[in-house]
PDB file of N, CA and C in Angstrom:
ATOM      1  N   MET A   1      90.917  86.157  88.920  1.00  0.00           N
ATOM      2  CA  MET A   1      92.249  86.240  89.492  1.00  0.00           C
ATOM      3  C   MET A   1      92.382  87.525  90.302  1.00  0.00           C
ATOM      4  N   ARG A   2      92.890  87.397  91.501  1.00  0.00           N
ATOM      5  CA  ARG A   2      93.096  88.588  92.338  1.00  0.00           C
ATOM      6  C   ARG A   2      94.242  89.415  91.793  1.00  0.00           C
ATOM      7  N   GLY A   3      94.075  90.707  91.797  1.00  0.00           N
ATOM      8  CA  GLY A   3      95.123  91.599  91.321  1.00  0.00           C
ATOM      9  C   GLY A   3      95.221  91.684  89.812  1.00  0.00           C
ATOM     10  N   GLU A   4      94.195  91.199  89.122  1.00  0.00           N
ATOM     11  CA  GLU A   4      94.216  91.174  87.648  1.00  0.00           C
ATOM     12  C   GLU A   4      94.432  92.561  87.045  1.00  0.00           C
ATOM     13  N   LYS A   5      93.950  93.575  87.711  1.00  0.00           N
ATOM     14  CA  LYS A   5      94.111  94.950  87.235  1.00  0.00           C
ATOM     15  C   LYS A   5      95.592  95.309  87.076  1.00  0.00           C
ATOM     16  N   TYR A   6      96.450  94.666  87.871  1.00  0.00           N
ATOM     17  CA  TYR A   6      97.879  94.971  87.879  1.00  0.00           C
ATOM     18  C   TYR A   6      98.710  93.900  87.171  1.00  0.00           C
ATOM     19  N   LEU A   7      98.068  93.113  86.321  1.00  0.00           N
ATOM     20  CA  LEU A   7      98.724  92.014  85.616  1.00  0.00           C
ATOM     21  C   LEU A   7      99.892  92.484  84.748  1.00  0.00           C
ATOM     22  N   GLN A   8      99.786  93.657  84.145  1.00  0.00           N
ATOM     23  CA  GLN A   8     100.872  94.171  83.301  1.00  0.00           C
ATOM     24  C   GLN A   8     102.155  94.373  84.109  1.00  0.00           C
ATOM     25  N   LEU A   9     102.011  94.803  85.355  1.00  0.00           N
ATOM     26  CA  LEU A   9     103.181  94.970  86.215  1.00  0.00           C
ATOM     27  C   LEU A   9     103.788  93.607  86.527  1.00  0.00           C
ATOM     28  N   GLN A  10     102.943  92.640  86.813  1.00  0.00           N
ATOM     29  CA  GLN A  10     103.426  91.285  87.080  1.00  0.00           C
ATOM     30  C   GLN A  10     104.214  90.737  85.883  1.00  0.00           C
ATOM     31  N   GLN A  11     103.672  90.895  84.705  1.00  0.00           N
ATOM     32  CA  GLN A  11     104.339  90.403  83.500  1.00  0.00           C
ATOM     33  C   GLN A  11     105.675  91.117  83.271  1.00  0.00           C
ATOM     34  N   PHE A  12     105.703  92.417  83.527  1.00  0.00           N
ATOM     35  CA  PHE A  12     106.946  93.170  83.389  1.00  0.00           C
ATOM     36  C   PHE A  12     108.019  92.633  84.338  1.00  0.00           C
ATOM     37  N   LEU A  13     107.647  92.448  85.609  1.00  0.00           N
ATOM     38  CA  LEU A  13     108.605  91.969  86.601  1.00  0.00           C
ATOM     39  C   LEU A  13     109.102  90.569  86.248  1.00  0.00           C
ATOM     40  N   LYS A  14     108.196  89.690  85.844  1.00  0.00           N
ATOM     41  CA  LYS A  14     108.590  88.326  85.461  1.00  0.00           C
ATOM     42  C   LYS A  14     109.554  88.343  84.282  1.00  0.00           C
ATOM     43  N   SER A  15     109.281  89.166  83.300  1.00  0.00           N
ATOM     44  CA  SER A  15     110.121  89.178  82.102  1.00  0.00           C
ATOM     45  C   SER A  15     111.466  89.857  82.356  1.00  0.00           C
ATOM     46  N   ASN A  16     111.527  90.752  83.334  1.00  0.00           N
ATOM     47  CA  ASN A  16     112.779  91.437  83.642  1.00  0.00           C
ATOM     48  C   ASN A  16     113.760  90.482  84.310  1.00  0.00           C
ATOM     49  N   GLY A  17     113.336  89.840  85.372  1.00  0.00           N
ATOM     50  CA  GLY A  17     114.148  88.839  86.030  1.00  0.00           C
ATOM     51  C   GLY A  17     115.309  89.331  86.862  1.00  0.00           C
ATOM     52  N   SER A  18     115.564  90.635  86.885  1.00  0.00           N
ATOM     53  CA  SER A  18     116.674  91.166  87.689  1.00  0.00           C
ATOM     54  C   SER A  18     116.427  90.924  89.171  1.00  0.00           C
ATOM     55  N   GLU A  19     117.492  90.847  89.933  1.00  0.00           N
ATOM     56  CA  GLU A  19     117.346  90.631  91.367  1.00  0.00           C
ATOM     57  C   GLU A  19     116.719  91.843  92.054  1.00  0.00           C
ATOM     58  N   CYS A  20     117.022  93.024  91.549  1.00  0.00           N
ATOM     59  CA  CYS A  20     116.522  94.259  92.137  1.00  0.00           C
ATOM     60  C   CYS A  20     116.082  95.191  91.002  1.00  0.00           C
ATOM     61  N   ILE A  21     114.851  95.702  91.106  1.00  0.00           N
ATOM     62  CA  ILE A  21     114.307  96.566  90.060  1.00  0.00           C
ATOM     63  C   ILE A  21     113.753  97.829  90.712  1.00  0.00           C
ATOM     64  N   ALA A  22     114.277  98.979  90.322  1.00  0.00           N
ATOM     65  CA  ALA A  22     113.777 100.264  90.802  1.00  0.00           C
ATOM     66  C   ALA A  22     112.895 100.861  89.715  1.00  0.00           C
ATOM     67  N   LEU A  23     111.663 101.177  90.082  1.00  0.00           N
ATOM     68  CA  LEU A  23     110.720 101.773  89.135  1.00  0.00           C
ATOM     69  C   LEU A  23     110.135 103.040  89.724  1.00  0.00           C
ATOM     70  N   SER A  24     110.136 104.090  88.939  1.00  0.00           N
ATOM     71  CA  SER A  24     109.464 105.310  89.383  1.00  0.00           C
ATOM     72  C   SER A  24     107.963 105.075  89.293  1.00  0.00           C
ATOM     73  N   PHE A  25     107.213 105.888  89.995  1.00  0.00           N
ATOM     74  CA  PHE A  25     105.764 105.778  89.919  1.00  0.00           C
ATOM     75  C   PHE A  25     105.307 105.997  88.479  1.00  0.00           C
ATOM     76  N   GLY A  26     105.957 106.918  87.781  1.00  0.00           N
ATOM     77  CA  GLY A  26     105.636 107.173  86.380  1.00  0.00           C
ATOM     78  C   GLY A  26     105.878 105.958  85.513  1.00  0.00           C
ATOM     79  N   ASN A  27     106.998 105.247  85.751  1.00  0.00           N
ATOM     80  CA  ASN A  27     107.278 104.014  85.007  1.00  0.00           C
ATOM     81  C   ASN A  27     106.205 102.967  85.261  1.00  0.00           C
ATOM     82  N   ILE A  28     105.806 102.831  86.514  1.00  0.00           N
ATOM     83  CA  ILE A  28     104.768 101.850  86.858  1.00  0.00           C
ATOM     84  C   ILE A  28     103.470 102.201  86.149  1.00  0.00           C
ATOM     85  N   GLU A  29     103.135 103.476  86.131  1.00  0.00           N
ATOM     86  CA  GLU A  29     101.906 103.895  85.449  1.00  0.00           C
ATOM     87  C   GLU A  29     101.985 103.647  83.942  1.00  0.00           C
ATOM     88  N   MET A  30     103.167 103.824  83.349  1.00  0.00           N
ATOM     89  CA  MET A  30     103.327 103.528  81.916  1.00  0.00           C
ATOM     90  C   MET A  30     103.151 102.028  81.668  1.00  0.00           C
ATOM     91  N   ILE A  31     103.703 101.208  82.522  1.00  0.00           N
ATOM     92  CA  ILE A  31     103.576  99.757  82.390  1.00  0.00           C
ATOM     93  C   ILE A  31     102.114  99.347  82.515  1.00  0.00           C
ATOM     94  N   LEU A  32     101.422  99.920  83.497  1.00  0.00           N
ATOM     95  CA  LEU A  32     100.020  99.571  83.745  1.00  0.00           C
ATOM     96  C   LEU A  32      99.066 100.161  82.711  1.00  0.00           C
ATOM     97  N   GLY A  33      99.399 101.340  82.224  1.00  0.00           N
ATOM     98  CA  GLY A  33      98.505 102.018  81.292  1.00  0.00           C
ATOM     99  C   GLY A  33      97.440 102.848  81.980  1.00  0.00           C
ATOM    100  N   PHE A  34      97.611 103.086  83.277  1.00  0.00           N
ATOM    101  CA  PHE A  34      96.687 103.948  84.016  1.00  0.00           C
ATOM    102  C   PHE A  34      97.403 104.535  85.227  1.00  0.00           C
ATOM    103  N   LYS A  35      96.806 105.589  85.782  1.00  0.00           N
ATOM    104  CA  LYS A  35      97.387 106.269  86.941  1.00  0.00           C
ATOM    105  C   LYS A  35      97.147 105.453  88.201  1.00  0.00           C
ATOM    106  N   LEU A  36      98.175 105.382  89.036  1.00  0.00           N
ATOM    107  CA  LEU A  36      98.024 104.720  90.323  1.00  0.00           C
ATOM    108  C   LEU A  36      97.029 105.502  91.186  1.00  0.00           C
ATOM    109  N   PRO A  37      96.338 104.823  92.090  1.00  0.00           N
ATOM    110  CA  PRO A  37      95.403 105.541  92.964  1.00  0.00           C
ATOM    111  C   PRO A  37      96.153 106.491  93.902  1.00  0.00           C
ATOM    112  N   ASP A  38      95.455 107.494  94.362  1.00  0.00           N
ATOM    113  CA  ASP A  38      96.059 108.469  95.284  1.00  0.00           C
ATOM    114  C   ASP A  38      96.685 107.795  96.499  1.00  0.00           C
ATOM    115  N   SER A  39      96.062 106.718  96.982  1.00  0.00           N
ATOM    116  CA  SER A  39      96.583 106.035  98.173  1.00  0.00           C
ATOM    117  C   SER A  39      97.976 105.461  97.937  1.00  0.00           C
ATOM    118  N   ALA A  40      98.313 105.113  96.694  1.00  0.00           N
ATOM    119  CA  ALA A  40      99.657 104.606  96.382  1.00  0.00           C
ATOM    120  C   ALA A  40     100.704 105.706  96.567  1.00  0.00           C
ATOM    121  N   TYR A  41     100.277 106.945  96.357  1.00  0.00           N
ATOM    122  CA  TYR A  41     101.175 108.091  96.512  1.00  0.00           C
ATOM    123  C   TYR A  41     101.279 108.543  97.969  1.00  0.00           C
ATOM    124  N   LYS A  42     100.262 108.258  98.765  1.00  0.00           N
ATOM    125  CA  LYS A  42     100.194 108.800 100.121  1.00  0.00           C
ATOM    126  C   LYS A  42     100.574 107.819 101.222  1.00  0.00           C
ATOM    127  N   TYR A  43     100.372 106.523 100.990  1.00  0.00           N
ATOM    128  CA  TYR A  43     100.521 105.548 102.069  1.00  0.00           C
ATOM    129  C   TYR A  43     101.452 104.407 101.675  1.00  0.00           C
ATOM    130  N   SER A  44     102.511 104.239 102.413  1.00  0.00           N
ATOM    131  CA  SER A  44     103.429 103.133 102.126  1.00  0.00           C
ATOM    132  C   SER A  44     102.747 101.782 102.315  1.00  0.00           C
ATOM    133  N   ALA A  45     101.699 101.725 103.137  1.00  0.00           N
ATOM    134  CA  ALA A  45     100.967 100.473 103.346  1.00  0.00           C
ATOM    135  C   ALA A  45     100.346  99.955 102.040  1.00  0.00           C
ATOM    136  N   TRP A  46     100.065 100.840 101.087  1.00  0.00           N
ATOM    137  CA  TRP A  46      99.509 100.407  99.802  1.00  0.00           C
ATOM    138  C   TRP A  46     100.481  99.454  99.116  1.00  0.00           C
ATOM    139  N   TRP A  47     101.762  99.617  99.377  1.00  0.00           N
ATOM    140  CA  TRP A  47     102.812  98.811  98.755  1.00  0.00           C
ATOM    141  C   TRP A  47     103.175  97.585  99.585  1.00  0.00           C
ATOM    142  N   SER A  48     102.369  97.274 100.574  1.00  0.00           N
ATOM    143  CA  SER A  48     102.618  96.114 101.427  1.00  0.00           C
ATOM    144  C   SER A  48     102.697  94.833 100.599  1.00  0.00           C
ATOM    145  N   ASN A  49     103.452  93.881 101.071  1.00  0.00           N
ATOM    146  CA  ASN A  49     103.573  92.588 100.412  1.00  0.00           C
ATOM    147  C   ASN A  49     102.487  91.608 100.868  1.00  0.00           C
ATOM    148  N   ASN A  50     101.517  92.109 101.611  1.00  0.00           N
ATOM    149  CA  ASN A  50     100.448  91.278 102.168  1.00  0.00           C
ATOM    150  C   ASN A  50      99.368  91.040 101.114  1.00  0.00           C
ATOM    151  N   ILE A  51      99.374  89.861 100.512  1.00  0.00           N
ATOM    152  CA  ILE A  51      98.394  89.565  99.459  1.00  0.00           C
ATOM    153  C   ILE A  51      97.006  89.291 100.023  1.00  0.00           C
ATOM    154  N   GLY A  52      96.909  89.105 101.326  1.00  0.00           N
ATOM    155  CA  GLY A  52      95.605  88.881 101.943  1.00  0.00           C
ATOM    156  C   GLY A  52      94.751  90.126 101.996  1.00  0.00           C
ATOM    157  N   SER A  53      95.388  91.283 102.127  1.00  0.00           N
ATOM    158  CA  SER A  53      94.613  92.524 102.246  1.00  0.00           C
ATOM    159  C   SER A  53      94.924  93.548 101.166  1.00  0.00           C
ATOM    160  N   HIS A  54      95.873  93.257 100.286  1.00  0.00           N
ATOM    161  CA  HIS A  54      96.237  94.191  99.221  1.00  0.00           C
ATOM    162  C   HIS A  54      96.296  93.432  97.896  1.00  0.00           C
ATOM    163  N   THR A  55      95.212  93.505  97.139  1.00  0.00           N
ATOM    164  CA  THR A  55      95.160  92.719  95.901  1.00  0.00           C
ATOM    165  C   THR A  55      96.252  93.115  94.915  1.00  0.00           C
ATOM    166  N   GLN A  56      96.675  94.380  94.924  1.00  0.00           N
ATOM    167  CA  GLN A  56      97.724  94.806  93.999  1.00  0.00           C
ATOM    168  C   GLN A  56      99.045  94.096  94.299  1.00  0.00           C
ATOM    169  N   ALA A  57      99.237  93.648  95.530  1.00  0.00           N
ATOM    170  CA  ALA A  57     100.479  92.964  95.905  1.00  0.00           C
ATOM    171  C   ALA A  57     100.660  91.655  95.139  1.00  0.00           C
ATOM    172  N   HIS A  58      99.564  91.079  94.654  1.00  0.00           N
ATOM    173  CA  HIS A  58      99.676  89.854  93.851  1.00  0.00           C
ATOM    174  C   HIS A  58     100.573  90.076  92.644  1.00  0.00           C
ATOM    175  N   SER A  59     100.560  91.277  92.083  1.00  0.00           N
ATOM    176  CA  SER A  59     101.338  91.522  90.865  1.00  0.00           C
ATOM    177  C   SER A  59     102.823  91.318  91.110  1.00  0.00           C
ATOM    178  N   TRP A  60     103.345  91.784  92.226  1.00  0.00           N
ATOM    179  CA  TRP A  60     104.781  91.592  92.462  1.00  0.00           C
ATOM    180  C   TRP A  60     105.087  90.308  93.219  1.00  0.00           C
ATOM    181  N   VAL A  61     104.241  89.905  94.157  1.00  0.00           N
ATOM    182  CA  VAL A  61     104.502  88.675  94.916  1.00  0.00           C
ATOM    183  C   VAL A  61     104.427  87.452  93.995  1.00  0.00           C
ATOM    184  N   ASP A  62     103.410  87.399  93.138  1.00  0.00           N
ATOM    185  CA  ASP A  62     103.271  86.271  92.213  1.00  0.00           C
ATOM    186  C   ASP A  62     104.369  86.257  91.147  1.00  0.00           C
ATOM    187  N   ALA A  63     105.023  87.390  90.943  1.00  0.00           N
ATOM    188  CA  ALA A  63     106.152  87.454  90.005  1.00  0.00           C
ATOM    189  C   ALA A  63     107.465  87.083  90.703  1.00  0.00           C
ATOM    190  N   GLY A  64     107.401  86.847  92.029  1.00  0.00           N
ATOM    191  CA  GLY A  64     108.594  86.452  92.770  1.00  0.00           C
ATOM    192  C   GLY A  64     109.338  87.596  93.422  1.00  0.00           C
ATOM    193  N   TYR A  65     108.673  88.738  93.607  1.00  0.00           N
ATOM    194  CA  TYR A  65     109.313  89.919  94.186  1.00  0.00           C
ATOM    195  C   TYR A  65     108.598  90.371  95.448  1.00  0.00           C
ATOM    196  N   LYS A  66     109.303  91.163  96.221  1.00  0.00           N
ATOM    197  CA  LYS A  66     108.723  91.875  97.362  1.00  0.00           C
ATOM    198  C   LYS A  66     109.182  93.316  97.264  1.00  0.00           C
ATOM    199  N   THR A  67     108.354  94.221  97.757  1.00  0.00           N
ATOM    200  CA  THR A  67     108.785  95.613  97.794  1.00  0.00           C
ATOM    201  C   THR A  67     109.861  95.733  98.864  1.00  0.00           C
ATOM    202  N   GLN A  68     110.931  96.379  98.505  1.00  0.00           N
ATOM    203  CA  GLN A  68     112.082  96.515  99.399  1.00  0.00           C
ATOM    204  C   GLN A  68     112.145  97.920  99.984  1.00  0.00           C
ATOM    205  N   SER A  69     111.863  98.912  99.165  1.00  0.00           N
ATOM    206  CA  SER A  69     111.971 100.304  99.577  1.00  0.00           C
ATOM    207  C   SER A  69     110.941 101.117  98.803  1.00  0.00           C
ATOM    208  N   ILE A  70     110.248 101.980  99.516  1.00  0.00           N
ATOM    209  CA  ILE A  70     109.242 102.827  98.886  1.00  0.00           C
ATOM    210  C   ILE A  70     109.563 104.280  99.212  1.00  0.00           C
ATOM    211  N   GLN A  71     109.668 105.092  98.178  1.00  0.00           N
ATOM    212  CA  GLN A  71     109.792 106.536  98.346  1.00  0.00           C
ATOM    213  C   GLN A  71     108.494 107.102  97.790  1.00  0.00           C
ATOM    214  N   LEU A  72     107.568 107.418  98.675  1.00  0.00           N
ATOM    215  CA  LEU A  72     106.228 107.823  98.258  1.00  0.00           C
ATOM    216  C   LEU A  72     106.256 108.925  97.214  1.00  0.00           C
ATOM    217  N   GLY A  73     105.512 108.701  96.153  1.00  0.00           N
ATOM    218  CA  GLY A  73     105.410 109.663  95.068  1.00  0.00           C
ATOM    219  C   GLY A  73     106.603 109.658  94.144  1.00  0.00           C
ATOM    220  N   ASN A  74     107.591 108.828  94.421  1.00  0.00           N
ATOM    221  CA  ASN A  74     108.817 108.845  93.642  1.00  0.00           C
ATOM    222  C   ASN A  74     109.115 107.484  93.023  1.00  0.00           C
ATOM    223  N   GLN A  75     109.520 106.505  93.855  1.00  0.00           N
ATOM    224  CA  GLN A  75     109.894 105.218  93.284  1.00  0.00           C
ATOM    225  C   GLN A  75     109.677 104.070  94.260  1.00  0.00           C
ATOM    226  N   VAL A  76     109.667 102.880  93.705  1.00  0.00           N
ATOM    227  CA  VAL A  76     109.561 101.642  94.473  1.00  0.00           C
ATOM    228  C   VAL A  76     110.695 100.733  94.022  1.00  0.00           C
ATOM    229  N   ILE A  77     111.303 100.067  94.975  1.00  0.00           N
ATOM    230  CA  ILE A  77     112.321  99.078  94.633  1.00  0.00           C
ATOM    231  C   ILE A  77     111.760  97.700  94.954  1.00  0.00           C
ATOM    232  N   PHE A  78     111.749  96.850  93.932  1.00  0.00           N
ATOM    233  CA  PHE A  78     111.301  95.473  94.070  1.00  0.00           C
ATOM    234  C   PHE A  78     112.542  94.596  94.139  1.00  0.00           C
ATOM    235  N   LYS A  79     112.556  93.657  95.072  1.00  0.00           N
ATOM    236  CA  LYS A  79     113.694  92.754  95.228  1.00  0.00           C
ATOM    237  C   LYS A  79     113.192  91.321  95.125  1.00  0.00           C
ATOM    238  N   LYS A  80     113.967  90.475  94.425  1.00  0.00           N
ATOM    239  CA  LYS A  80     113.604  89.071  94.292  1.00  0.00           C
ATOM    240  C   LYS A  80     113.412  88.459  95.660  1.00  0.00           C
ATOM    241  N   ASP A  81     112.360  87.684  95.801  1.00  0.00           N
ATOM    242  CA  ASP A  81     112.083  86.961  97.030  1.00  0.00           C
ATOM    243  C   ASP A  81     112.753  85.598  96.907  1.00  0.00           C
ATOM    244  N   ILE A  82     113.916  85.441  97.522  1.00  0.00           N
ATOM    245  CA  ILE A  82     114.694  84.220  97.342  1.00  0.00           C
ATOM    246  C   ILE A  82     114.114  83.020  98.091  1.00  0.00           C
ATOM    247  N   ILE A  83     113.140  83.259  98.958  1.00  0.00           N
ATOM    248  CA  ILE A  83     112.522  82.179  99.717  1.00  0.00           C
ATOM    249  C   ILE A  83     111.568  81.364  98.856  1.00  0.00           C
ATOM    250  N   ARG A  84     111.043  81.950  97.792  1.00  0.00           N
ATOM    251  CA  ARG A  84     110.048  81.277  96.949  1.00  0.00           C
ATOM    252  C   ARG A  84     110.616  80.051  96.322  1.00  0.00           C
TER     253      ARG A  84
END
């Protein structure tokens, strides 16, 4: 399965079910059980919703979310993808 490394995040998002979820990078790391790569802190493209080139995107896209807002090194806001 693509994005399996980030499965814990997917499960968290699915179980939460809120329309909008704001998570700090620290919260995401606690959910995952490991530190995010440096590129997640430096490049907003790491948080792209493109599952073709970003395997980590499977965790939120497959849970029915898209990244809405990224504050690098601080937080990410996931918003329900109502088109699904």
